[in-house]
Protein backbone atom coordinates (compact mmCIF):
# COMPACT_ATOMS: atom_id res chain seq x y z
CA MET A 1 12.28 90.66 121.79
CA ASN A 2 15.94 90.22 123.52
CA ASN A 3 16.02 90.76 127.12
CA PRO A 4 18.28 93.79 128.10
CA ALA A 5 19.57 91.33 130.63
CA SER A 6 20.76 89.00 128.44
CA VAL A 7 23.24 91.82 126.48
CA PRO A 8 26.72 91.60 128.12
CA LEU A 9 28.19 94.08 129.78
CA VAL A 10 32.49 93.61 128.74
CA SER A 11 32.78 95.61 126.15
CA THR A 12 30.88 99.39 128.20
CA VAL A 13 32.67 98.85 130.80
CA PRO A 14 35.80 101.18 130.57
CA VAL A 15 40.00 99.23 131.54
CA ALA A 16 40.54 99.82 135.36
CA PRO A 17 43.33 102.31 135.50
CA THR A 18 44.81 99.58 137.54
CA GLN A 19 44.91 97.29 134.56
CA GLN A 20 46.57 99.97 132.50
CA ALA A 21 49.17 100.54 135.40
CA SER A 22 50.07 96.97 135.05
CA ARG A 23 50.22 96.55 131.53
CA LYS A 24 52.61 99.85 131.99
CA VAL A 25 54.86 98.08 134.21
CA GLU A 26 54.73 94.82 131.80
CA ILE A 27 55.91 97.16 128.61
CA LEU A 28 58.72 98.69 130.75
CA LYS A 29 59.70 95.41 132.16
CA GLU A 30 60.67 93.76 128.18
CA PHE A 31 62.39 97.74 127.33
CA GLY A 32 63.83 97.10 130.15
CA THR A 33 64.92 93.21 128.58
CA ALA A 34 66.01 95.26 125.45
CA VAL A 35 68.22 97.59 126.61
CA ALA A 36 69.91 95.18 128.05
CA ALA A 37 70.16 92.69 125.41
CA ALA A 38 71.05 96.05 122.95
CA ASN A 39 74.66 97.66 125.27
CA SER A 40 75.29 93.61 125.56
CA SER A 41 78.56 92.54 123.56
CA PRO A 42 77.18 91.14 120.83
CA ALA A 43 81.36 89.68 119.79
CA ALA A 44 80.68 87.47 123.36
CA ALA A 45 77.34 86.43 122.34
CA ALA A 46 78.33 85.83 118.86
CA THR A 47 81.85 83.88 120.10
CA ALA A 48 80.63 81.59 123.59
CA PRO A 49 81.57 78.56 121.89
CA ALA A 50 78.94 75.91 121.96
CA PRO A 51 78.49 73.42 125.52
CA ALA A 52 80.45 69.79 124.11
CA ALA A 53 78.98 66.48 124.11
CA LYS A 54 81.65 65.82 127.25
CA SER A 55 82.93 68.31 128.62
CA PRO A 56 85.49 68.38 131.39
CA SER A 57 84.47 67.91 135.24
CA ARG A 58 82.74 71.23 136.60
CA ARG A 59 85.85 71.15 138.85
CA THR A 60 88.19 71.15 135.98
CA GLU A 61 86.59 73.89 134.57
CA ILE A 62 86.52 76.46 137.28
CA LEU A 63 90.41 75.64 138.69
CA LYS A 64 91.26 76.39 134.29
CA ASP A 65 89.67 79.29 134.87
CA TYR A 66 91.23 80.62 137.98
CA SER A 67 94.16 79.80 136.74
CA ALA A 68 93.85 81.49 133.45
CA ARG A 69 92.93 84.53 135.62
CA LEU A 70 95.32 83.98 138.15
CA LEU A 71 98.84 82.74 136.98
CA PRO A 72 99.95 85.42 134.72
CA PRO A 73 99.63 88.20 136.88
CA LEU A 74 101.35 86.60 139.67
CA ILE A 75 104.30 85.78 138.01
CA THR A 76 104.16 89.12 136.28
CA VAL A 77 104.61 90.57 140.08
CA ALA A 78 106.88 87.67 140.81
CA LEU A 79 109.32 88.81 137.71
CA LEU A 80 109.38 92.55 138.80
CA VAL A 81 110.06 91.88 142.58
CA GLY A 82 112.84 89.16 141.93
CA LEU A 83 114.47 92.54 139.10
CA TRP A 84 113.36 94.38 141.91
CA GLN A 85 115.46 92.11 144.29
CA PHE A 86 118.58 91.95 142.04
CA VAL A 87 118.96 95.49 141.32
CA CYS A 88 118.03 97.16 144.59
CA SER A 89 120.97 94.52 145.98
CA GLN A 90 123.67 95.71 143.87
CA PRO A 91 127.19 97.41 145.32
CA GLY A 92 125.19 101.82 145.58
CA ALA A 93 121.69 100.73 145.00
CA THR A 94 119.87 104.35 146.45
CA LEU A 95 116.50 101.93 147.04
CA PRO A 96 115.67 99.31 149.87
CA PRO A 97 115.51 95.98 147.90
CA PRO A 98 111.82 93.65 149.49
CA SER A 99 114.25 91.70 151.67
CA LYS A 100 114.43 94.67 153.54
CA VAL A 101 111.45 96.29 153.10
CA ILE A 102 109.80 93.19 154.28
CA GLY A 103 112.12 93.29 157.71
CA ASP A 104 112.07 97.03 158.69
CA THR A 105 108.25 97.39 158.28
CA ALA A 106 107.26 94.21 159.43
CA THR A 107 106.07 95.87 163.01
CA LEU A 108 103.89 97.65 160.21
CA ILE A 109 102.98 94.56 158.60
CA THR A 110 102.28 92.44 161.63
CA GLU A 111 99.96 95.66 163.91
CA PRO A 112 98.11 96.96 161.13
CA PHE A 113 96.05 98.65 164.21
CA PHE A 114 97.66 100.09 166.41
CA ASP A 115 97.61 102.93 168.24
CA ASN A 116 100.13 105.17 170.21
CA GLY A 117 98.47 108.10 169.51
CA GLY A 118 98.27 111.75 167.52
CA ASN A 119 99.62 109.95 164.35
CA ASP A 120 101.28 107.27 165.86
CA VAL A 121 98.68 104.58 164.90
CA GLY A 122 98.73 101.59 162.45
CA MET A 123 98.93 101.74 158.71
CA ALA A 124 95.41 100.37 159.13
CA TRP A 125 94.36 103.69 160.61
CA GLN A 126 96.47 106.23 158.03
CA LEU A 127 93.99 104.12 155.07
CA LEU A 128 90.50 104.95 156.98
CA ALA A 129 91.20 108.64 156.99
CA SER A 130 91.68 109.11 153.82
CA LEU A 131 88.87 106.23 153.20
CA LYS A 132 86.62 108.42 154.90
CA ARG A 133 88.14 111.30 153.41
CA VAL A 134 87.46 109.89 149.68
CA LEU A 135 83.89 109.02 150.11
CA TYR A 136 82.83 112.39 151.22
CA GLY A 137 84.32 114.07 148.56
CA TYR A 138 83.40 111.00 146.26
CA SER A 139 79.77 111.05 146.44
CA ILE A 140 79.29 114.54 146.50
CA ALA A 141 81.01 114.42 143.70
CA VAL A 142 78.77 111.37 142.20
CA VAL A 143 75.43 113.43 142.20
CA VAL A 144 76.64 116.18 141.90
CA GLY A 145 78.84 114.70 138.69
CA ILE A 146 75.18 112.40 137.60
CA SER A 147 73.03 115.08 138.31
CA PHE A 148 74.70 117.73 136.16
CA GLY A 149 75.76 115.58 133.64
CA VAL A 150 71.66 114.42 133.01
CA LEU A 151 71.56 118.00 132.96
CA VAL A 152 73.82 119.19 129.57
CA GLY A 153 73.09 115.49 128.33
CA GLN A 154 69.46 116.04 128.11
CA PHE A 155 69.45 119.98 127.34
CA ALA A 156 70.96 121.45 124.64
CA ILE A 157 71.11 125.23 125.36
CA ALA A 158 72.59 123.80 129.09
CA MET A 159 75.43 121.66 126.77
CA ARG A 160 76.22 125.48 124.93
CA GLY A 161 76.17 127.28 128.70
CA LEU A 162 78.18 124.99 130.87
CA ASP A 163 80.18 123.51 129.04
CA PRO A 164 83.07 126.61 128.23
CA VAL A 165 83.15 126.27 132.49
CA PHE A 166 83.22 122.50 132.77
CA GLN A 167 85.61 122.66 129.95
CA VAL A 168 88.29 125.52 132.11
CA LEU A 169 87.76 124.39 135.40
CA ARG A 170 89.08 120.71 134.95
CA THR A 171 92.07 121.87 133.33
CA VAL A 172 92.88 122.83 136.73
CA PRO A 173 95.96 120.82 138.96
CA PRO A 174 94.26 119.16 141.67
CA LEU A 175 96.47 120.78 144.52
CA ALA A 176 96.00 124.12 142.13
CA TRP A 177 92.18 123.68 144.72
CA LEU A 178 93.77 123.41 147.94
CA PRO A 179 95.02 126.85 149.09
CA ILE A 180 91.39 128.02 147.43
CA ALA A 181 90.33 125.17 150.15
CA LEU A 182 91.93 126.24 153.23
CA ALA A 183 90.95 129.99 152.06
CA GLY A 184 87.65 129.51 152.42
CA PHE A 185 87.27 127.36 155.31
CA ARG A 186 89.86 128.09 157.64
CA ASP A 187 90.62 124.12 158.22
CA GLY A 188 92.48 121.02 156.27
CA HIS A 189 89.80 118.33 156.91
CA PRO A 190 86.69 119.75 155.24
CA SER A 191 89.35 120.97 152.70
CA ALA A 192 90.98 117.50 151.28
CA ILE A 193 87.34 115.75 150.92
CA PHE A 194 87.10 119.60 148.12
CA VAL A 195 89.87 119.15 146.59
CA ILE A 196 88.53 115.14 145.94
CA PHE A 197 85.22 115.94 145.32
CA ILE A 198 86.01 118.84 142.48
CA THR A 199 88.75 116.54 141.81
CA SER A 200 87.14 113.84 140.64
CA VAL A 201 83.62 115.34 139.24
CA TRP A 202 84.74 116.60 136.27
CA PRO A 203 85.08 112.40 134.07
CA ILE A 204 82.10 112.04 135.45
CA ILE A 205 79.66 115.49 134.68
CA ILE A 206 81.65 114.74 130.57
CA ASN A 207 80.40 110.81 130.24
CA THR A 208 77.64 110.70 132.10
CA SER A 209 76.48 114.09 129.34
CA ILE A 210 78.20 112.16 126.43
CA GLY A 211 76.65 108.67 127.38
CA ILE A 212 72.66 110.72 127.80
CA ARG A 213 73.04 112.00 124.66
CA ASN A 214 73.70 109.16 122.28
CA ILE A 215 70.37 107.56 124.25
CA PRO A 216 68.65 106.18 120.31
CA ASN A 217 65.88 107.95 119.84
CA ASP A 218 63.58 104.61 119.75
CA TYR A 219 64.10 105.58 123.69
CA ARG A 220 63.03 108.09 123.81
CA ASN A 221 60.38 107.08 121.83
CA VAL A 222 58.57 104.87 124.05
CA ALA A 223 59.27 106.74 127.24
CA ARG A 224 56.80 109.58 124.91
CA VAL A 225 54.16 107.17 124.55
CA LEU A 226 54.44 104.78 127.84
CA ARG A 227 53.68 109.03 129.46
CA LEU A 228 56.73 108.50 131.84
CA ASN A 229 57.20 110.72 133.82
CA GLY A 230 60.62 111.88 135.06
CA LEU A 231 61.91 109.87 137.76
CA GLU A 232 60.76 106.65 135.61
CA TYR A 233 62.46 108.08 132.89
CA PHE A 234 65.20 107.85 134.75
CA TRP A 235 65.51 104.67 135.63
CA ARG A 236 63.70 102.80 133.02
CA ILE A 237 65.40 104.57 130.35
CA MET A 238 68.92 106.81 131.52
CA MET A 239 70.44 103.91 133.64
CA PRO A 240 70.08 100.66 131.40
CA ALA A 241 70.87 102.67 128.71
CA ALA A 242 74.42 105.44 129.64
CA ALA A 243 75.46 102.81 132.42
CA PRO A 244 77.96 102.17 130.16
CA TYR A 245 78.92 105.85 130.31
CA ILE A 246 77.86 107.07 133.91
CA PHE A 247 80.24 103.95 135.00
CA SER A 248 83.14 105.06 133.35
CA GLY A 249 83.21 108.21 134.49
CA LEU A 250 82.79 106.52 138.39
CA ARG A 251 85.91 104.40 137.75
CA ILE A 252 87.73 107.12 135.98
CA GLY A 253 86.44 109.84 139.29
CA VAL A 254 87.26 107.74 142.07
CA GLY A 255 90.77 106.37 140.90
CA LEU A 256 91.51 109.76 140.40
CA SER A 257 89.81 111.00 144.22
CA TRP A 258 91.91 108.36 145.36
CA LEU A 259 94.77 110.29 143.81
CA ALA A 260 93.67 113.63 145.03
CA ILE A 261 93.71 112.75 148.75
CA VAL A 262 96.60 110.84 148.81
CA ALA A 263 98.52 114.32 147.35
CA ALA A 264 96.54 116.85 149.07
CA GLU A 265 96.66 114.48 152.71
CA MET A 266 100.53 116.07 152.48
CA LEU A 267 99.84 119.00 152.98
CA ILE A 268 97.33 119.97 155.85
CA GLY A 269 99.04 116.73 157.23
CA GLY A 270 97.32 114.47 159.85
CA VAL A 271 95.85 111.29 160.11
CA GLY A 272 96.07 109.92 156.79
CA ILE A 273 98.17 107.89 153.66
CA GLY A 274 98.89 110.63 152.48
CA PHE A 275 100.76 112.28 155.30
CA PHE A 276 102.81 109.19 156.79
CA ILE A 277 104.63 108.86 153.47
CA TRP A 278 105.35 112.77 153.78
CA ASP A 279 106.79 112.08 157.62
CA ALA A 280 108.69 109.05 156.03
CA TRP A 281 110.42 110.12 153.49
CA ASN A 282 111.21 113.21 156.18
CA SER A 283 112.45 110.61 158.50
CA SER A 284 114.29 108.99 156.38
CA ARG A 285 112.36 106.12 155.85
CA ILE A 286 112.03 105.04 152.77
CA SER A 287 110.97 101.38 153.33
CA ASP A 288 107.78 102.52 154.81
CA ILE A 289 107.68 105.05 152.02
CA VAL A 290 108.06 101.62 149.22
CA LEU A 291 105.10 99.87 151.73
CA ALA A 292 102.96 102.57 152.01
CA LEU A 293 103.20 103.19 147.64
CA ILE A 294 102.42 99.15 148.11
CA TYR A 295 99.11 99.26 149.97
CA VAL A 296 97.86 102.70 148.27
CA GLY A 297 97.92 100.54 145.29
CA ILE A 298 96.40 97.91 146.20
CA VAL A 299 93.61 99.95 147.64
CA GLY A 300 92.93 101.74 144.36
CA PHE A 301 92.88 98.59 142.40
CA ILE A 302 89.80 97.60 145.03
CA LEU A 303 88.20 100.91 144.46
CA ASP A 304 88.38 100.55 140.58
CA ARG A 305 86.66 96.77 141.49
CA LEU A 306 83.98 98.11 143.71
CA VAL A 307 82.85 100.64 140.98
CA SER A 308 83.21 97.94 138.24
CA TRP A 309 81.19 95.79 140.35
CA ALA A 310 78.11 97.86 141.15
CA GLY A 311 78.95 99.76 136.86
CA ARG A 312 77.64 95.45 136.04
CA TRP A 313 74.48 95.34 139.37
CA VAL A 314 72.94 98.16 137.43
CA ALA A 315 74.09 98.25 134.01
CA ARG A 316 72.39 94.78 133.73
CA GLY A 317 74.85 92.79 131.38
CA SER A 318 75.72 95.99 129.67
CA SER A 319 79.58 96.70 128.80
CA VAL A 320 80.66 98.75 131.77
CA ASN A 321 83.14 96.91 132.88
């Protein structure tokens, strides 16, 4: 007769919940890797060159890469500046050439942080005031836009109910909202923030909803098998799969918000790059306007690059850009 104490107990002991949770985390990690691989560009992987037998030095490769990236835009800018100088230096030209712009705005360029009180401040303070408004309005647009985009993309009834409203409201020009905002808020600062929000929220909603609707059914089935809750499903499934669409909307939104604040500040006044441009026009300081436009373009480019970088970081290699 066998001794009961010698019977193995492994088969009779249930699996601990912690082991189930760890296994669930492992599956989610493997699935996240698969999603990133599915979103990555296959053409880039197919065309990646094989390592050469005798590759040049690392420094030479880096120099060639930077040259390929920087030389074309630098040459293009140099040609455009030369053309600008030639055209605007002709007799009868109404716009200043770049040499005159630099001479007229030397103080604004070399002393961007001067503060003489009121609206008489340097370009850095003008840009920072505008960026502060953009930060507030765009942040609200990101939260609202992604939330409504997920709602519309996930539920067909929400799509049928809200999409017509979105399509009507998004066609309203940004500055058309400014009188309504001024009447409601009775102040220029929150009115400008509202205009930024209402301008940038629509591409975020539309692109997010498209990305959510295009999530493959296999990904949804994995979520059902793993019994993911709403928050886990959002971070583990929705974000990696829909990131290229979401961040495309975010990039469009940040560009529109920067456009909107410049236009809105021309009307609400105060410190800001938009009012600076309008005040320079009223004072016939055309060189100041040209300098401000250059700064506006550079800041807009930097904002777009920042959102693109954030998208690549979140997507972990997906084709966001």
